[in-house]
Amino acid sequence: MSRIMMPLLIVQFLLGMFANLFITFSISTDPNPLAVVFTGGSPALMVHVLIAVVLLMLALQVLVTAAFINRRPVVGVASAGFASIALSFFTGIAFVYSGYENDSLSYLMAVGFLFGLIIYGSLAGRGEKTTPAERPTKTETGTSNTIPGL
């Protein structure tokens, strides 16, 4: 799952930089500025927001999966990854509601992205590791993954 997140995080970063450098943000008096992103915003900004939602859902899925496999180090890393993506997501929403004026929120969005990229990159680089109980056992006739007596 974290291998899917890496390219999404990179595309998310590039879209965010594109929006920051080349898009004029709508200054609307609409009570819901997020709605303005989809009704009057640029396509790049719309895709940026949609990818943010997908990343948050994937981060939650990685965390839940890590909790089910019951490996504490992986749960810790997945929790940190979810926290970094959540930081980016919610500061992004707050940035839109600030009228795109609060640079601190934009900075926190970038910090969350950077930590997320590092964390999910480390998860993706770990590969599949098995516990000693899951490893095949060596017998006289060769390797066996079966339960004796079945």
Protein backbone atom coordinates (compact mmCIF):
# COMPACT_ATOMS: atom_id res chain seq x y z
CA MET A 1 0.00 0.00 0.00
CA SER A 2 2.83 2.40 0.82
CA ARG A 3 4.25 1.77 -2.65
CA ILE A 4 1.06 3.25 -4.09
CA MET A 5 1.41 6.27 -1.85
CA MET A 6 4.89 7.23 -3.03
CA PRO A 7 3.91 8.23 -6.59
CA LEU A 8 0.71 9.85 -5.30
CA LEU A 9 2.74 11.94 -2.84
CA ILE A 10 5.07 13.04 -5.63
CA VAL A 11 2.17 14.00 -7.93
CA GLN A 12 0.53 15.76 -4.97
CA PHE A 13 3.68 17.78 -4.34
CA LEU A 14 4.03 18.75 -8.01
CA LEU A 15 0.37 19.82 -8.22
CA GLY A 16 0.73 21.82 -5.02
CA MET A 17 3.81 23.60 -6.35
CA PHE A 18 2.04 24.25 -9.66
CA ALA A 19 -0.94 25.72 -7.80
CA ASN A 20 1.31 27.84 -5.61
CA LEU A 21 3.31 29.24 -8.51
CA PHE A 22 0.88 29.51 -11.41
CA ILE A 23 -2.72 29.58 -10.16
CA THR A 24 -4.56 32.67 -9.03
CA PHE A 25 -6.72 31.60 -6.13
CA SER A 26 -10.33 32.68 -6.13
CA ILE A 27 -11.07 35.28 -3.48
CA SER A 28 -14.69 34.52 -2.85
CA THR A 29 -17.08 35.59 -0.14
CA ASP A 30 -18.78 32.20 -0.31
CA PRO A 31 -19.26 30.78 3.20
CA ASN A 32 -17.75 27.48 2.01
CA PRO A 33 -14.42 28.15 0.29
CA LEU A 34 -13.88 24.43 -0.35
CA ALA A 35 -16.95 24.42 -2.59
CA VAL A 36 -15.41 27.29 -4.58
CA VAL A 37 -12.35 25.09 -5.26
CA PHE A 38 -14.61 22.70 -7.18
CA THR A 39 -17.00 25.23 -8.73
CA GLY A 40 -14.58 27.98 -9.69
CA GLY A 41 -11.12 26.59 -9.13
CA SER A 42 -8.56 25.35 -11.60
CA PRO A 43 -8.47 21.69 -12.62
CA ALA A 44 -4.99 21.32 -11.09
CA LEU A 45 -6.26 22.53 -7.72
CA MET A 46 -9.28 20.21 -7.92
CA VAL A 47 -7.04 17.20 -8.60
CA HIS A 48 -4.73 18.33 -5.77
CA VAL A 49 -7.67 18.25 -3.34
CA LEU A 50 -8.94 14.90 -4.63
CA ILE A 51 -5.50 13.30 -4.29
CA ALA A 52 -5.32 14.66 -0.73
CA VAL A 53 -8.54 12.81 0.12
CA VAL A 54 -7.22 9.60 -1.48
CA LEU A 55 -3.93 9.91 0.41
CA LEU A 56 -5.74 10.34 3.73
CA MET A 57 -7.87 7.25 3.06
CA LEU A 58 -4.82 5.20 2.02
CA ALA A 59 -2.89 6.33 5.10
CA LEU A 60 -5.77 5.19 7.28
CA GLN A 61 -5.87 1.86 5.44
CA VAL A 62 -2.12 1.36 5.97
CA LEU A 63 -2.58 2.10 9.68
CA VAL A 64 -5.49 -0.33 10.06
CA THR A 65 -3.61 -3.03 8.13
CA ALA A 66 -0.54 -2.53 10.32
CA ALA A 67 -2.69 -2.86 13.43
CA PHE A 68 -4.15 -6.15 12.17
CA ILE A 69 -0.77 -7.73 11.43
CA ASN A 70 0.16 -6.92 15.02
CA ARG A 71 3.78 -5.79 14.59
CA ARG A 72 4.54 -2.89 16.88
CA PRO A 73 7.34 -1.28 14.85
CA VAL A 74 5.18 -1.27 11.72
CA VAL A 75 2.21 0.11 13.68
CA GLY A 76 4.45 2.90 14.99
CA VAL A 77 5.69 3.82 11.53
CA ALA A 78 2.17 3.61 10.07
CA SER A 79 0.86 5.85 12.88
CA ALA A 80 3.54 8.43 12.16
CA GLY A 81 2.71 8.24 8.45
CA PHE A 82 -0.99 8.73 9.11
CA ALA A 83 -0.24 11.67 11.42
CA SER A 84 1.90 13.35 8.76
CA ILE A 85 -0.73 12.90 6.03
CA ALA A 86 -3.47 14.09 8.42
CA LEU A 87 -1.33 17.15 9.25
CA SER A 88 -1.04 18.00 5.55
CA PHE A 89 -4.72 17.32 4.89
CA PHE A 90 -6.14 19.43 7.71
CA THR A 91 -3.67 22.30 7.32
CA GLY A 92 -4.58 22.29 3.61
CA ILE A 93 -8.24 22.70 4.50
CA ALA A 94 -7.36 25.43 6.99
CA PHE A 95 -5.22 27.14 4.31
CA VAL A 96 -8.23 27.27 1.96
CA TYR A 97 -10.44 28.65 4.76
CA SER A 98 -7.80 31.31 5.52
CA GLY A 99 -8.35 32.66 2.01
CA TYR A 100 -4.96 31.27 0.91
CA GLU A 101 -3.31 33.93 3.08
CA ASN A 102 -1.75 32.03 6.00
CA ASP A 103 1.75 31.01 4.92
CA SER A 104 2.30 29.06 8.15
CA LEU A 105 -0.45 26.66 7.12
CA SER A 106 1.13 26.25 3.70
CA TYR A 107 4.45 25.52 5.40
CA LEU A 108 2.86 22.90 7.69
CA MET A 109 1.28 21.29 4.64
CA ALA A 110 4.76 20.94 3.12
CA VAL A 111 6.22 19.60 6.39
CA GLY A 112 3.51 16.93 6.59
CA PHE A 113 4.19 15.99 2.98
CA LEU A 114 7.93 15.70 3.57
CA PHE A 115 7.55 13.50 6.64
CA GLY A 116 4.94 11.41 4.83
CA LEU A 117 7.29 10.90 1.88
CA ILE A 118 10.11 9.82 4.19
CA ILE A 119 7.92 7.55 6.31
CA TYR A 120 6.08 5.82 3.47
CA GLY A 121 9.34 5.55 1.56
CA SER A 122 10.84 3.65 4.48
CA LEU A 123 7.77 1.39 4.64
CA ALA A 124 7.93 0.72 0.91
CA GLY A 125 11.64 -0.10 1.18
CA ARG A 126 11.12 -2.68 3.92
CA GLY A 127 9.45 -5.21 1.67
CA GLU A 128 7.73 -8.29 3.00
CA LYS A 129 9.33 -9.56 6.19
CA THR A 130 8.12 -12.62 7.95
CA THR A 131 8.22 -13.52 11.61
CA PRO A 132 10.10 -16.67 12.66
CA ALA A 133 6.76 -18.49 13.05
CA GLU A 134 5.83 -17.69 9.43
CA ARG A 135 9.15 -18.88 7.95
CA PRO A 136 9.30 -22.32 6.37
CA THR A 137 10.85 -25.02 8.51
CA LYS A 138 13.60 -27.30 7.25
CA THR A 139 12.79 -31.00 7.41
CA GLU A 140 14.58 -34.11 6.21
CA THR A 141 12.53 -34.14 3.02
CA GLY A 142 12.90 -30.44 2.30
CA THR A 143 11.07 -27.28 3.26
CA SER A 144 7.54 -27.39 4.54
CA ASN A 145 4.96 -24.73 5.26
CA THR A 146 2.26 -27.21 6.18
CA ILE A 147 0.91 -28.04 9.58
CA PRO A 148 1.95 -31.57 10.66
CA GLY A 149 -0.86 -34.10 10.71
CA LEU A 150 -3.02 -32.45 8.04
